[in-house]
Amino acid sequence: MFVTFTKTLKRMAGFRLGFGIRVNKRNAPLWCGAMLVAGMFYLMWYMIIGAGWCLYFMLLAIYKIYYYLFKGIEIGCKKLYRFIKGKIATAETETPADPEQ
């Protein structure tokens, strides 16, 4: 593919780049200006896409942080509940050795 593309470029006097002009020595500054404008628009477009991905990953990270935070609190509360329930159950089953005391 690259060999064919190179041969095609060599065959042409210049190559067309979507602006409808051929690049040669006389119009190279115009072509550079047009490429600068096109490059700015491409940069803006990719920055919008990049900002969208950054926002997505930032929201995903915030979600994961809160998810694991509340999941840890839930597990801690369950363990604490079982611990307290176990202490109460053992305190109720214990009978004094001497009932007169």
Protein backbone atom coordinates (compact mmCIF):
# COMPACT_ATOMS: atom_id res chain seq x y z
CA MET A 1 0.00 0.00 0.00
CA PHE A 2 2.73 2.48 0.94
CA VAL A 3 4.72 1.67 -2.21
CA THR A 4 1.72 2.39 -4.40
CA PHE A 5 1.00 5.63 -2.53
CA THR A 6 4.62 6.77 -2.95
CA LYS A 7 4.56 5.94 -6.65
CA THR A 8 1.35 7.92 -7.06
CA LEU A 9 2.86 10.94 -5.30
CA LYS A 10 5.95 10.81 -7.51
CA ARG A 11 3.79 10.58 -10.62
CA MET A 12 1.90 13.78 -9.77
CA ALA A 13 3.50 17.25 -9.93
CA GLY A 14 2.27 17.83 -6.38
CA PHE A 15 -0.36 16.13 -4.32
CA ARG A 16 -3.88 17.29 -3.69
CA LEU A 17 -5.00 17.74 -0.14
CA GLY A 18 -8.72 18.32 -0.13
CA PHE A 19 -8.38 22.05 -0.86
CA GLY A 20 -8.49 21.62 -4.60
CA ILE A 21 -5.00 23.06 -5.12
CA ARG A 22 -1.72 21.45 -6.08
CA VAL A 23 1.26 22.26 -3.95
CA ASN A 24 4.24 23.74 -5.73
CA LYS A 25 6.82 26.43 -4.97
CA ARG A 26 4.58 29.30 -5.97
CA ASN A 27 1.58 28.49 -3.77
CA ALA A 28 3.43 26.79 -0.87
CA PRO A 29 2.80 29.71 1.56
CA LEU A 30 -0.92 29.63 0.76
CA TRP A 31 -0.91 25.87 1.24
CA CYS A 32 0.88 26.22 4.59
CA GLY A 33 -1.72 28.77 5.73
CA ALA A 34 -4.56 26.54 4.62
CA MET A 35 -2.97 23.57 6.41
CA LEU A 36 -2.57 25.70 9.54
CA VAL A 37 -6.30 26.51 9.52
CA ALA A 38 -7.22 22.89 8.80
CA GLY A 39 -4.83 21.74 11.52
CA MET A 40 -6.45 24.09 14.03
CA PHE A 41 -9.87 22.66 13.27
CA TYR A 42 -8.55 19.10 13.58
CA LEU A 43 -6.89 20.03 16.87
CA MET A 44 -10.13 21.56 18.19
CA TRP A 45 -12.08 18.45 17.17
CA TYR A 46 -9.65 16.04 18.81
CA MET A 47 -9.49 18.20 21.92
CA ILE A 48 -13.28 18.02 22.21
CA ILE A 49 -13.10 14.23 21.88
CA GLY A 50 -10.22 14.09 24.39
CA ALA A 51 -12.11 16.28 26.86
CA GLY A 52 -15.10 13.97 26.54
CA TRP A 53 -12.96 10.93 27.32
CA CYS A 54 -11.32 12.76 30.27
CA LEU A 55 -14.76 13.65 31.62
CA TYR A 56 -15.90 10.03 31.21
CA PHE A 57 -12.89 8.63 33.08
CA MET A 58 -13.13 11.28 35.79
CA LEU A 59 -16.80 10.48 36.41
CA LEU A 60 -16.00 6.76 36.34
CA ALA A 61 -13.24 7.27 38.93
CA ILE A 62 -15.56 9.30 41.18
CA TYR A 63 -18.21 6.57 40.86
CA LYS A 64 -15.71 3.84 41.72
CA ILE A 65 -14.35 5.78 44.71
CA TYR A 66 -17.81 6.29 46.19
CA TYR A 67 -18.86 2.73 45.31
CA TYR A 68 -15.93 1.16 47.15
CA LEU A 69 -16.20 3.69 49.99
CA PHE A 70 -19.87 2.86 50.68
CA LYS A 71 -19.23 -0.85 50.06
CA GLY A 72 -16.49 -0.74 52.72
CA ILE A 73 -18.78 1.10 55.13
CA GLU A 74 -21.50 -1.49 54.49
CA ILE A 75 -19.13 -4.40 55.15
CA GLY A 76 -17.82 -2.68 58.28
CA CYS A 77 -21.35 -2.09 59.60
CA LYS A 78 -22.29 -5.74 58.96
CA LYS A 79 -19.20 -6.97 60.81
CA LEU A 80 -19.86 -4.57 63.69
CA TYR A 81 -23.50 -5.73 63.85
CA ARG A 82 -22.44 -9.39 63.92
CA PHE A 83 -19.86 -8.60 66.61
CA ILE A 84 -22.38 -6.76 68.81
CA LYS A 85 -25.04 -9.42 68.18
CA GLY A 86 -22.55 -12.12 69.14
CA LYS A 87 -21.60 -10.35 72.39
CA ILE A 88 -25.25 -9.92 73.35
CA ALA A 89 -26.00 -13.56 72.52
CA THR A 90 -23.06 -14.80 74.61
CA ALA A 91 -24.01 -12.47 77.50
CA GLU A 92 -27.58 -13.87 77.54
CA THR A 93 -26.47 -17.49 77.48
CA GLU A 94 -23.99 -17.08 80.31
CA THR A 95 -25.50 -18.04 83.63
CA PRO A 96 -23.97 -17.12 86.93
CA ALA A 97 -22.20 -20.03 88.69
CA ASP A 98 -23.77 -19.18 92.05
CA PRO A 99 -27.46 -18.20 91.69
CA GLU A 100 -27.56 -16.68 95.14
CA GLN A 101 -25.15 -13.93 94.30
